[in-house]
Amino acid sequence: MSPEYFLGIDIGGTKSAVVVGNDTGTILDKVSFLTEEPKGPEQCIARLLEASQELTKRSGVTIRAIGIACGSPLDPERGLIQSPAQLSSWKDVEITKIFQDRFGVPAFLENDANAGALAEFCFGAGRGCRHMAFLTFGTGMGAGFVLNGQIYRGANCYAGEVGHIRLEPTGPIGCRKAGSFEGFCSGAGIAQIAQAEYKNFKGPTVLSPTPTTRDVGEAAEKGDQLALQILEISGTYLGKALAILLDTLNLERIIIGSIFLRCEKFLRPAMEESLRAEALSQVVEVCRIFPAGLGESVGDYAALSVAYSQMKQGV
């Protein structure tokens, strides 16, 4: 059977991209450029359409469907982008209609965390399971859930906002909430933990008083005790939050991207200890936790997977 081909459109606050790939998980070509949000959506959409036509022509394939990934809030059913935080000028943009009208094939919209979950479910570490979560663990902390083999959006498409879960009354701030999951487990959160721990640390360290998460990871690789302590704290709270997800959803797999992918060996021991202490043993036993199987390329597959998964369901 010949492969089917799809376009993936990734719209971000800083960068946007178009990829063309097929149902075997092969990406044929990609174009990316700055979104330039202050200039409004029209110029970016025009470049996305132009890049889509260019890639389709260059690759010489027939596109069956188009997947579009963007930050929330959005309305997947109506295909509307509704002013995400980093795309405030994109108010009720009928993005799926625009692409359907231009290319004459179905177009589907999904938020970026859900699209990441679909990417891992279709082509990465989630293949072969029915119940999984994908956690972004990047600049922020969001999640996408695949339950019974279907993406789960919730009543009004806000399922997966796990970064809002409060794990402590006080602590690093994420999602405008002190002590939240995002506060303890995100790039911005780890930087806050680092600043707080630096003030009370008595030993030698290569870290500055205001290190970045990258600084912490690099110092941990060198055996810096403060950096290891910072990541142990983050790992502990990662385990606590995962226990909530497992006790609630009884997942088969949890797949974690970005910072976990790069710092797994420092985060995992504390995460597993905390998880065993907090969650039911029965749910821990059946769930496996992996770094993103697609690695740093998960973003390239995300929007593509939105189209692929929809067409696979016969939509």
C-alpha atoms as a PDB file:
ATOM      1  CA  MET A   1       0.000   0.000   0.000  1.00  0.00           C
ATOM      2  CA  SER A   2       1.354   3.419  -0.968  1.00  0.00           C
ATOM      3  CA  PRO A   3       1.957   5.916   1.847  1.00  0.00           C
ATOM      4  CA  GLU A   4      -0.415   8.815   2.375  1.00  0.00           C
ATOM      5  CA  TYR A   5       0.949  12.329   2.726  1.00  0.00           C
ATOM      6  CA  PHE A   6      -0.007  15.159   5.061  1.00  0.00           C
ATOM      7  CA  LEU A   7       0.887  18.763   5.809  1.00  0.00           C
ATOM      8  CA  GLY A   8       1.630  19.855   9.375  1.00  0.00           C
ATOM      9  CA  ILE A   9       1.280  23.536  10.288  1.00  0.00           C
ATOM     10  CA  ASP A  10       2.842  24.591  13.600  1.00  0.00           C
ATOM     11  CA  ILE A  11       1.929  28.126  14.712  1.00  0.00           C
ATOM     12  CA  GLY A  12       3.964  29.414  17.652  1.00  0.00           C
ATOM     13  CA  GLY A  13       4.388  32.753  19.367  1.00  0.00           C
ATOM     14  CA  THR A  14       7.991  33.018  18.189  1.00  0.00           C
ATOM     15  CA  LYS A  15       8.349  30.637  15.264  1.00  0.00           C
ATOM     16  CA  SER A  16       6.007  28.910  12.839  1.00  0.00           C
ATOM     17  CA  ALA A  17       6.730  25.957  10.582  1.00  0.00           C
ATOM     18  CA  VAL A  18       5.320  23.776   7.842  1.00  0.00           C
ATOM     19  CA  VAL A  19       6.283  20.128   7.356  1.00  0.00           C
ATOM     20  CA  VAL A  20       5.255  17.545   4.807  1.00  0.00           C
ATOM     21  CA  GLY A  21       5.361  13.894   5.811  1.00  0.00           C
ATOM     22  CA  ASN A  22       3.631  10.571   5.460  1.00  0.00           C
ATOM     23  CA  ASP A  23       1.810   7.966   7.516  1.00  0.00           C
ATOM     24  CA  THR A  24       4.997   5.976   8.159  1.00  0.00           C
ATOM     25  CA  GLY A  25       6.419   8.871  10.160  1.00  0.00           C
ATOM     26  CA  THR A  26       8.816  10.059   7.468  1.00  0.00           C
ATOM     27  CA  ILE A  27       9.218  13.828   7.222  1.00  0.00           C
ATOM     28  CA  LEU A  28      10.089  14.819   3.667  1.00  0.00           C
ATOM     29  CA  ASP A  29      10.636  18.555   4.000  1.00  0.00           C
ATOM     30  CA  LYS A  30      10.262  21.487   6.372  1.00  0.00           C
ATOM     31  CA  VAL A  31      10.205  25.280   6.280  1.00  0.00           C
ATOM     32  CA  SER A  32      10.233  27.546   9.368  1.00  0.00           C
ATOM     33  CA  PHE A  33      10.239  31.291   9.944  1.00  0.00           C
ATOM     34  CA  LEU A  34       9.555  33.929  12.596  1.00  0.00           C
ATOM     35  CA  THR A  35       5.858  34.420  13.361  1.00  0.00           C
ATOM     36  CA  GLU A  36       6.221  38.173  13.973  1.00  0.00           C
ATOM     37  CA  GLU A  37       3.024  38.317  16.010  1.00  0.00           C
ATOM     38  CA  PRO A  38       2.990  42.148  16.391  1.00  0.00           C
ATOM     39  CA  LYS A  39       2.358  42.376  12.632  1.00  0.00           C
ATOM     40  CA  GLY A  40      -0.897  40.428  13.038  1.00  0.00           C
ATOM     41  CA  PRO A  41      -2.052  37.056  11.712  1.00  0.00           C
ATOM     42  CA  GLU A  42      -2.538  37.924   8.040  1.00  0.00           C
ATOM     43  CA  GLN A  43       1.151  38.127   7.106  1.00  0.00           C
ATOM     44  CA  CYS A  44       1.990  34.897   8.939  1.00  0.00           C
ATOM     45  CA  ILE A  45      -0.929  33.010   7.389  1.00  0.00           C
ATOM     46  CA  ALA A  46       0.137  34.211   3.940  1.00  0.00           C
ATOM     47  CA  ARG A  47       3.633  32.833   4.539  1.00  0.00           C
ATOM     48  CA  LEU A  48       2.230  29.546   5.860  1.00  0.00           C
ATOM     49  CA  LEU A  49       0.091  29.134   2.753  1.00  0.00           C
ATOM     50  CA  GLU A  50       3.019  30.000   0.497  1.00  0.00           C
ATOM     51  CA  ALA A  51       5.327  27.573   2.314  1.00  0.00           C
ATOM     52  CA  SER A  52       2.676  24.844   2.171  1.00  0.00           C
ATOM     53  CA  GLN A  53       2.324  25.228  -1.586  1.00  0.00           C
ATOM     54  CA  GLU A  54       6.094  25.331  -2.017  1.00  0.00           C
ATOM     55  CA  LEU A  55       6.666  22.135   0.002  1.00  0.00           C
ATOM     56  CA  THR A  56       3.845  20.284  -1.737  1.00  0.00           C
ATOM     57  CA  LYS A  57       5.200  21.195  -5.149  1.00  0.00           C
ATOM     58  CA  ARG A  58       8.811  20.484  -4.166  1.00  0.00           C
ATOM     59  CA  SER A  59       8.038  17.056  -2.732  1.00  0.00           C
ATOM     60  CA  GLY A  60       5.794  16.104  -5.652  1.00  0.00           C
ATOM     61  CA  VAL A  61       3.169  14.404  -3.476  1.00  0.00           C
ATOM     62  CA  THR A  62      -0.600  14.631  -3.142  1.00  0.00           C
ATOM     63  CA  ILE A  63      -1.702  15.844   0.286  1.00  0.00           C
ATOM     64  CA  ARG A  64      -4.615  13.997   1.882  1.00  0.00           C
ATOM     65  CA  ALA A  65      -5.182  16.290   4.904  1.00  0.00           C
ATOM     66  CA  ILE A  66      -3.688  19.154   6.908  1.00  0.00           C
ATOM     67  CA  GLY A  67      -3.036  19.276  10.637  1.00  0.00           C
ATOM     68  CA  ILE A  68      -2.602  22.559  12.496  1.00  0.00           C
ATOM     69  CA  ALA A  69      -1.131  22.910  15.996  1.00  0.00           C
ATOM     70  CA  CYS A  70      -1.306  26.099  18.051  1.00  0.00           C
ATOM     71  CA  GLY A  71      -1.445  27.199  21.674  1.00  0.00           C
ATOM     72  CA  SER A  72      -4.761  27.460  23.529  1.00  0.00           C
ATOM     73  CA  PRO A  73      -7.350  28.854  23.731  1.00  0.00           C
ATOM     74  CA  LEU A  74      -8.795  27.526  20.505  1.00  0.00           C
ATOM     75  CA  ASP A  75     -11.893  25.734  19.245  1.00  0.00           C
ATOM     76  CA  PRO A  76     -11.003  22.526  17.383  1.00  0.00           C
ATOM     77  CA  GLU A  77     -14.608  21.851  16.353  1.00  0.00           C
ATOM     78  CA  ARG A  78     -14.992  25.217  14.627  1.00  0.00           C
ATOM     79  CA  GLY A  79     -11.318  25.497  13.639  1.00  0.00           C
ATOM     80  CA  LEU A  80     -10.791  28.799  15.436  1.00  0.00           C
ATOM     81  CA  ILE A  81      -7.626  30.212  17.006  1.00  0.00           C
ATOM     82  CA  GLN A  82      -8.822  32.422  19.866  1.00  0.00           C
ATOM     83  CA  SER A  83      -6.044  34.786  20.972  1.00  0.00           C
ATOM     84  CA  PRO A  84      -3.511  32.506  22.700  1.00  0.00           C
ATOM     85  CA  ALA A  85      -1.219  34.233  25.192  1.00  0.00           C
ATOM     86  CA  GLN A  86       1.638  34.626  22.699  1.00  0.00           C
ATOM     87  CA  LEU A  87      -0.662  35.266  19.731  1.00  0.00           C
ATOM     88  CA  SER A  88      -2.973  37.904  21.163  1.00  0.00           C
ATOM     89  CA  SER A  89      -3.776  39.435  17.759  1.00  0.00           C
ATOM     90  CA  TRP A  90      -5.065  36.075  16.446  1.00  0.00           C
ATOM     91  CA  LYS A  91      -8.678  36.620  17.510  1.00  0.00           C
ATOM     92  CA  ASP A  92     -11.172  34.039  16.178  1.00  0.00           C
ATOM     93  CA  VAL A  93      -9.003  33.225  13.158  1.00  0.00           C
ATOM     94  CA  GLU A  94     -10.789  30.616  10.998  1.00  0.00           C
ATOM     95  CA  ILE A  95      -7.578  28.762  10.329  1.00  0.00           C
ATOM     96  CA  THR A  96      -8.963  25.411   9.178  1.00  0.00           C
ATOM     97  CA  LYS A  97     -11.330  27.083   6.692  1.00  0.00           C
ATOM     98  CA  ILE A  98      -8.459  29.101   5.252  1.00  0.00           C
ATOM     99  CA  PHE A  99      -6.404  25.973   4.544  1.00  0.00           C
ATOM    100  CA  GLN A 100      -9.355  23.884   3.386  1.00  0.00           C
ATOM    101  CA  ASP A 101     -10.384  26.574   0.910  1.00  0.00           C
ATOM    102  CA  ARG A 102      -6.849  26.869  -0.472  1.00  0.00           C
ATOM    103  CA  PHE A 103      -5.963  23.169  -0.764  1.00  0.00           C
ATOM    104  CA  GLY A 104      -9.341  21.439  -1.078  1.00  0.00           C
ATOM    105  CA  VAL A 105      -8.575  18.805   1.574  1.00  0.00           C
ATOM    106  CA  PRO A 106      -9.722  18.447   5.207  1.00  0.00           C
ATOM    107  CA  ALA A 107      -7.866  20.544   7.814  1.00  0.00           C
ATOM    108  CA  PHE A 108      -7.900  19.927  11.569  1.00  0.00           C
ATOM    109  CA  LEU A 109      -6.860  22.096  14.527  1.00  0.00           C
ATOM    110  CA  GLU A 110      -5.467  20.954  17.888  1.00  0.00           C
ATOM    111  CA  ASN A 111      -3.679  22.651  20.773  1.00  0.00           C
ATOM    112  CA  ASP A 112       0.066  22.114  20.878  1.00  0.00           C
ATOM    113  CA  ALA A 113       0.145  19.831  23.945  1.00  0.00           C
ATOM    114  CA  ASN A 114      -2.542  17.553  22.469  1.00  0.00           C
ATOM    115  CA  ALA A 115      -0.676  17.564  19.175  1.00  0.00           C
ATOM    116  CA  GLY A 116       2.498  16.500  21.005  1.00  0.00           C
ATOM    117  CA  ALA A 117       0.551  13.672  22.631  1.00  0.00           C
ATOM    118  CA  LEU A 118      -0.715  12.547  19.239  1.00  0.00           C
ATOM    119  CA  ALA A 119       2.812  12.660  17.823  1.00  0.00           C
ATOM    120  CA  GLU A 120       4.108  10.328  20.533  1.00  0.00           C
ATOM    121  CA  PHE A 121       0.995   8.146  20.292  1.00  0.00           C
ATOM    122  CA  CYS A 122       1.257   7.752  16.530  1.00  0.00           C
ATOM    123  CA  PHE A 123       5.003   7.740  15.937  1.00  0.00           C
ATOM    124  CA  GLY A 124       6.887   7.826  19.248  1.00  0.00           C
ATOM    125  CA  ALA A 125       7.020   6.241  22.688  1.00  0.00           C
ATOM    126  CA  GLY A 126       3.221   5.913  22.894  1.00  0.00           C
ATOM    127  CA  ARG A 127       2.806   3.501  20.001  1.00  0.00           C
ATOM    128  CA  GLY A 128       0.813   0.423  20.886  1.00  0.00           C
ATOM    129  CA  CYS A 129      -0.859   1.748  24.048  1.00  0.00           C
ATOM    130  CA  ARG A 130      -4.402   2.974  24.679  1.00  0.00           C
ATOM    131  CA  HIS A 131      -4.080   5.237  27.723  1.00  0.00           C
ATOM    132  CA  MET A 132      -1.226   7.752  27.895  1.00  0.00           C
ATOM    133  CA  ALA A 133      -0.246  11.276  28.809  1.00  0.00           C
ATOM    134  CA  PHE A 134       2.333  13.515  27.193  1.00  0.00           C
ATOM    135  CA  LEU A 135       3.853  16.205  29.429  1.00  0.00           C
ATOM    136  CA  THR A 136       5.650  19.126  27.790  1.00  0.00           C
ATOM    137  CA  PHE A 137       8.036  20.029  30.687  1.00  0.00           C
ATOM    138  CA  GLY A 138       9.531  22.908  28.718  1.00  0.00           C
ATOM    139  CA  THR A 139       9.197  26.633  29.307  1.00  0.00           C
ATOM    140  CA  GLY A 140       5.902  25.697  30.948  1.00  0.00           C
ATOM    141  CA  MET A 141       4.124  22.487  31.951  1.00  0.00           C
ATOM    142  CA  GLY A 142       1.148  21.273  29.966  1.00  0.00           C
ATOM    143  CA  ALA A 143      -0.223  17.866  29.074  1.00  0.00           C
ATOM    144  CA  GLY A 144      -2.101  16.044  26.380  1.00  0.00           C
ATOM    145  CA  PHE A 145      -4.119  12.901  27.174  1.00  0.00           C
ATOM    146  CA  VAL A 146      -4.932   9.956  24.916  1.00  0.00           C
ATOM    147  CA  LEU A 147      -7.626   7.870  26.620  1.00  0.00           C
ATOM    148  CA  ASN A 148      -9.117   4.765  25.028  1.00  0.00           C
ATOM    149  CA  GLY A 149      -7.053   5.579  21.951  1.00  0.00           C
ATOM    150  CA  GLN A 150      -8.658   9.026  21.511  1.00  0.00           C
ATOM    151  CA  ILE A 151      -7.389  12.490  22.327  1.00  0.00           C
ATOM    152  CA  TYR A 152      -9.235  13.826  25.366  1.00  0.00           C
ATOM    153  CA  ARG A 153     -10.031  17.551  25.282  1.00  0.00           C
ATOM    154  CA  GLY A 154     -12.569  17.889  28.109  1.00  0.00           C
ATOM    155  CA  ALA A 155     -15.845  19.835  28.172  1.00  0.00           C
ATOM    156  CA  ASN A 156     -14.437  23.041  26.676  1.00  0.00           C
ATOM    157  CA  CYS A 157     -10.969  22.016  25.490  1.00  0.00           C
ATOM    158  CA  TYR A 158      -9.084  22.810  28.701  1.00  0.00           C
ATOM    159  CA  ALA A 159      -8.164  19.239  29.666  1.00  0.00           C
ATOM    160  CA  GLY A 160      -4.432  18.883  30.236  1.00  0.00           C
ATOM    161  CA  GLU A 161      -3.752  22.163  32.053  1.00  0.00           C
ATOM    162  CA  VAL A 162      -1.851  20.185  34.683  1.00  0.00           C
ATOM    163  CA  GLY A 163       0.566  23.023  35.358  1.00  0.00           C
ATOM    164  CA  HIS A 164      -2.195  24.656  37.439  1.00  0.00           C
ATOM    165  CA  ILE A 165      -2.239  21.834  39.994  1.00  0.00           C
ATOM    166  CA  ARG A 166      -1.056  23.224  43.329  1.00  0.00           C
ATOM    167  CA  LEU A 167       1.417  20.898  45.023  1.00  0.00           C
ATOM    168  CA  GLU A 168       2.407  23.166  47.937  1.00  0.00           C
ATOM    169  CA  PRO A 169       0.859  26.258  49.598  1.00  0.00           C
ATOM    170  CA  THR A 170       3.953  28.260  48.649  1.00  0.00           C
ATOM    171  CA  GLY A 171       6.860  27.805  46.282  1.00  0.00           C
ATOM    172  CA  PRO A 172       8.002  28.729  42.793  1.00  0.00           C
ATOM    173  CA  ILE A 173       5.351  30.365  40.649  1.00  0.00           C
ATOM    174  CA  GLY A 174       3.928  28.825  37.493  1.00  0.00           C
ATOM    175  CA  CYS A 175       0.567  29.473  35.809  1.00  0.00           C
ATOM    176  CA  ARG A 176       0.324  32.540  38.104  1.00  0.00           C
ATOM    177  CA  LYS A 177       0.113  30.171  41.089  1.00  0.00           C
ATOM    178  CA  ALA A 178       2.739  29.659  43.811  1.00  0.00           C
ATOM    179  CA  GLY A 179       3.635  26.052  44.557  1.00  0.00           C
ATOM    180  CA  SER A 180       2.107  24.771  41.321  1.00  0.00           C
ATOM    181  CA  PHE A 181       3.225  21.815  39.230  1.00  0.00           C
ATOM    182  CA  GLU A 182       4.505  24.236  36.596  1.00  0.00           C
ATOM    183  CA  GLY A 183       6.296  26.160  39.325  1.00  0.00           C
ATOM    184  CA  PHE A 184       8.313  23.102  40.305  1.00  0.00           C
ATOM    185  CA  CYS A 185       8.599  21.450  36.887  1.00  0.00           C
ATOM    186  CA  SER A 186       9.303  23.841  34.041  1.00  0.00           C
ATOM    187  CA  GLY A 187      12.172  25.890  32.711  1.00  0.00           C
ATOM    188  CA  ALA A 188      10.963  29.022  34.465  1.00  0.00           C
ATOM    189  CA  GLY A 189      10.226  27.056  37.641  1.00  0.00           C
ATOM    190  CA  ILE A 190      13.622  25.365  37.893  1.00  0.00           C
ATOM    191  CA  ALA A 191      15.274  28.769  37.519  1.00  0.00           C
ATOM    192  CA  GLN A 192      13.216  29.965  40.516  1.00  0.00           C
ATOM    193  CA  ILE A 193      14.152  26.895  42.565  1.00  0.00           C
ATOM    194  CA  ALA A 194      17.802  27.542  41.702  1.00  0.00           C
ATOM    195  CA  GLN A 195      17.703  31.129  42.939  1.00  0.00           C
ATOM    196  CA  ALA A 196      16.032  30.108  46.205  1.00  0.00           C
ATOM    197  CA  GLU A 197      18.425  27.199  46.853  1.00  0.00           C
ATOM    198  CA  TYR A 198      21.495  29.274  46.002  1.00  0.00           C
ATOM    199  CA  LYS A 199      20.804  31.615  48.918  1.00  0.00           C
ATOM    200  CA  ASN A 200      21.062  28.806  51.485  1.00  0.00           C
ATOM    201  CA  PHE A 201      23.714  26.632  49.831  1.00  0.00           C
ATOM    202  CA  LYS A 202      27.005  26.593  51.746  1.00  0.00           C
ATOM    203  CA  GLY A 203      29.274  24.504  49.520  1.00  0.00           C
ATOM    204  CA  PRO A 204      31.184  25.312  46.330  1.00  0.00           C
ATOM    205  CA  THR A 205      29.195  25.657  43.116  1.00  0.00           C
ATOM    206  CA  VAL A 206      29.795  26.789  39.562  1.00  0.00           C
ATOM    207  CA  LEU A 207      26.303  28.300  39.427  1.00  0.00           C
ATOM    208  CA  SER A 208      25.654  32.026  39.615  1.00  0.00           C
ATOM    209  CA  PRO A 209      22.984  33.497  41.939  1.00  0.00           C
ATOM    210  CA  THR A 210      20.571  33.647  38.966  1.00  0.00           C
ATOM    211  CA  PRO A 211      21.237  30.558  36.832  1.00  0.00           C
ATOM    212  CA  THR A 212      19.124  29.432  33.913  1.00  0.00           C
ATOM    213  CA  THR A 213      17.745  25.911  33.648  1.00  0.00           C
ATOM    214  CA  ARG A 214      20.388  25.210  31.012  1.00  0.00           C
ATOM    215  CA  ASP A 215      23.063  26.326  33.491  1.00  0.00           C
ATOM    216  CA  VAL A 216      21.646  23.930  36.086  1.00  0.00           C
ATOM    217  CA  GLY A 217      21.643  21.008  33.666  1.00  0.00           C
ATOM    218  CA  GLU A 218      25.202  21.665  32.521  1.00  0.00           C
ATOM    219  CA  ALA A 219      26.412  22.016  36.124  1.00  0.00           C
ATOM    220  CA  ALA A 220      24.689  18.766  37.083  1.00  0.00           C
ATOM    221  CA  GLU A 221      26.589  16.989  34.302  1.00  0.00           C
ATOM    222  CA  LYS A 222      29.802  18.168  36.018  1.00  0.00           C
ATOM    223  CA  GLY A 223      28.639  16.818  39.380  1.00  0.00           C
ATOM    224  CA  ASP A 224      27.854  20.203  40.938  1.00  0.00           C
ATOM    225  CA  GLN A 225      26.088  19.472  44.223  1.00  0.00           C
ATOM    226  CA  LEU A 226      23.811  22.511  44.143  1.00  0.00           C
ATOM    227  CA  ALA A 227      22.654  21.696  40.604  1.00  0.00           C
ATOM    228  CA  LEU A 228      21.969  18.097  41.611  1.00  0.00           C
ATOM    229  CA  GLN A 229      19.992  19.327  44.633  1.00  0.00           C
ATOM    230  CA  ILE A 230      17.878  21.624  42.446  1.00  0.00           C
ATOM    231  CA  LEU A 231      16.994  18.833  40.025  1.00  0.00           C
ATOM    232  CA  GLU A 232      16.258  16.465  42.904  1.00  0.00           C
ATOM    233  CA  ILE A 233      13.680  18.954  44.200  1.00  0.00           C
ATOM    234  CA  SER A 234      12.085  19.246  40.765  1.00  0.00           C
ATOM    235  CA  GLY A 235      12.115  15.457  40.376  1.00  0.00           C
ATOM    236  CA  THR A 236      10.423  14.994  43.740  1.00  0.00           C
ATOM    237  CA  TYR A 237       7.532  17.244  42.766  1.00  0.00           C
ATOM    238  CA  LEU A 238       7.351  15.667  39.329  1.00  0.00           C
ATOM    239  CA  GLY A 239       6.703  12.357  41.089  1.00  0.00           C
ATOM    240  CA  LYS A 240       4.026  13.902  43.308  1.00  0.00           C
ATOM    241  CA  ALA A 241       2.174  15.298  40.307  1.00  0.00           C
ATOM    242  CA  LEU A 242       2.475  12.072  38.340  1.00  0.00           C
ATOM    243  CA  ALA A 243       0.959  10.222  41.296  1.00  0.00           C
ATOM    244  CA  ILE A 244      -2.139  12.407  40.977  1.00  0.00           C
ATOM    245  CA  LEU A 245      -2.396  11.602  37.264  1.00  0.00           C
ATOM    246  CA  LEU A 246      -1.909   7.878  37.799  1.00  0.00           C
ATOM    247  CA  ASP A 247      -4.354   7.606  40.693  1.00  0.00           C
ATOM    248  CA  THR A 248      -6.936   9.501  38.645  1.00  0.00           C
ATOM    249  CA  LEU A 249      -6.460   8.085  35.147  1.00  0.00           C
ATOM    250  CA  ASN A 250      -4.697   4.709  35.607  1.00  0.00           C
ATOM    251  CA  LEU A 251      -2.416   5.360  32.619  1.00  0.00           C
ATOM    252  CA  GLU A 252      -0.276   2.833  30.746  1.00  0.00           C
ATOM    253  CA  ARG A 253       2.401   5.321  29.801  1.00  0.00           C
ATOM    254  CA  ILE A 254       3.530   8.815  30.647  1.00  0.00           C
ATOM    255  CA  ILE A 255       5.842  10.445  28.126  1.00  0.00           C
ATOM    256  CA  ILE A 256       7.740  13.570  29.087  1.00  0.00           C
ATOM    257  CA  GLY A 257       9.514  15.984  26.770  1.00  0.00           C
ATOM    258  CA  SER A 258      12.080  18.751  26.729  1.00  0.00           C
ATOM    259  CA  ILE A 259      13.822  19.164  30.111  1.00  0.00           C
ATOM    260  CA  PHE A 260      13.084  15.582  31.175  1.00  0.00           C
ATOM    261  CA  LEU A 261      14.545  14.382  27.904  1.00  0.00           C
ATOM    262  CA  ARG A 262      17.806  16.180  28.666  1.00  0.00           C
ATOM    263  CA  CYS A 263      17.956  15.708  32.461  1.00  0.00           C
ATOM    264  CA  GLU A 264      16.266  12.347  32.968  1.00  0.00           C
ATOM    265  CA  LYS A 265      19.151  10.753  34.883  1.00  0.00           C
ATOM    266  CA  PHE A 266      19.026  13.568  37.472  1.00  0.00           C
ATOM    267  CA  LEU A 267      15.229  13.808  37.723  1.00  0.00           C
ATOM    268  CA  ARG A 268      14.167  10.157  37.564  1.00  0.00           C
ATOM    269  CA  PRO A 269      15.516   8.808  40.906  1.00  0.00           C
ATOM    270  CA  ALA A 270      13.655  11.414  43.002  1.00  0.00           C
ATOM    271  CA  MET A 271      10.622  11.175  40.718  1.00  0.00           C
ATOM    272  CA  GLU A 272      10.354   7.413  41.172  1.00  0.00           C
ATOM    273  CA  GLU A 273      10.846   7.580  44.928  1.00  0.00           C
ATOM    274  CA  SER A 274       8.145  10.229  45.271  1.00  0.00           C
ATOM    275  CA  LEU A 275       5.809   8.397  42.902  1.00  0.00           C
ATOM    276  CA  ARG A 276       6.081   5.149  44.866  1.00  0.00           C
ATOM    277  CA  ALA A 277       5.400   7.008  48.110  1.00  0.00           C
ATOM    278  CA  GLU A 278       2.337   8.872  46.804  1.00  0.00           C
ATOM    279  CA  ALA A 279       0.525   6.670  44.273  1.00  0.00           C
ATOM    280  CA  LEU A 280      -1.320   3.373  44.581  1.00  0.00           C
ATOM    281  CA  SER A 281       1.093   0.528  43.928  1.00  0.00           C
ATOM    282  CA  GLN A 282      -1.379  -1.049  41.491  1.00  0.00           C
ATOM    283  CA  VAL A 283      -1.323   1.956  39.159  1.00  0.00           C
ATOM    284  CA  VAL A 284       2.439   2.424  39.397  1.00  0.00           C
ATOM    285  CA  GLU A 285       3.023  -1.206  38.419  1.00  0.00           C
ATOM    286  CA  VAL A 286       1.184  -0.931  35.094  1.00  0.00           C
ATOM    287  CA  CYS A 287       2.555   2.443  33.981  1.00  0.00           C
ATOM    288  CA  ARG A 288       5.883   3.044  32.277  1.00  0.00           C
ATOM    289  CA  ILE A 289       7.439   6.508  32.117  1.00  0.00           C
ATOM    290  CA  PHE A 290       9.553   7.454  29.114  1.00  0.00           C
ATOM    291  CA  PRO A 291      11.310  10.521  27.743  1.00  0.00           C
ATOM    292  CA  ALA A 292       9.796  11.680  24.454  1.00  0.00           C
ATOM    293  CA  GLY A 293      10.512   8.987  21.883  1.00  0.00           C
ATOM    294  CA  LEU A 294      10.678  11.579  19.126  1.00  0.00           C
ATOM    295  CA  GLY A 295      13.250  13.541  21.105  1.00  0.00           C
ATOM    296  CA  GLU A 296      13.650  17.187  20.197  1.00  0.00           C
ATOM    297  CA  SER A 297      11.802  16.485  16.913  1.00  0.00           C
ATOM    298  CA  VAL A 298       8.426  15.991  18.601  1.00  0.00           C
ATOM    299  CA  GLY A 299       7.378  19.466  17.412  1.00  0.00           C
ATOM    300  CA  ASP A 300       7.995  18.491  13.787  1.00  0.00           C
ATOM    301  CA  TYR A 301       5.615  15.541  14.113  1.00  0.00           C
ATOM    302  CA  ALA A 302       2.947  17.211  16.248  1.00  0.00           C
ATOM    303  CA  ALA A 303       0.828  19.017  13.658  1.00  0.00           C
ATOM    304  CA  LEU A 304       1.432  16.242  11.131  1.00  0.00           C
ATOM    305  CA  SER A 305      -0.012  13.765  13.634  1.00  0.00           C
ATOM    306  CA  VAL A 306      -3.184  15.837  14.003  1.00  0.00           C
ATOM    307  CA  ALA A 307      -3.989  15.229  10.343  1.00  0.00           C
ATOM    308  CA  TYR A 308      -2.815  11.611  10.343  1.00  0.00           C
ATOM    309  CA  SER A 309      -4.803  10.616  13.441  1.00  0.00           C
ATOM    310  CA  GLN A 310      -8.003  12.239  12.196  1.00  0.00           C
ATOM    311  CA  MET A 311      -7.836  10.523   8.834  1.00  0.00           C
ATOM    312  CA  LYS A 312      -6.922   7.207  10.444  1.00  0.00           C
ATOM    313  CA  GLN A 313     -10.209   7.442  12.373  1.00  0.00           C
ATOM    314  CA  GLY A 314     -12.051   7.920   9.089  1.00  0.00           C
ATOM    315  CA  VAL A 315     -13.098  11.503   9.807  1.00  0.00           C
END
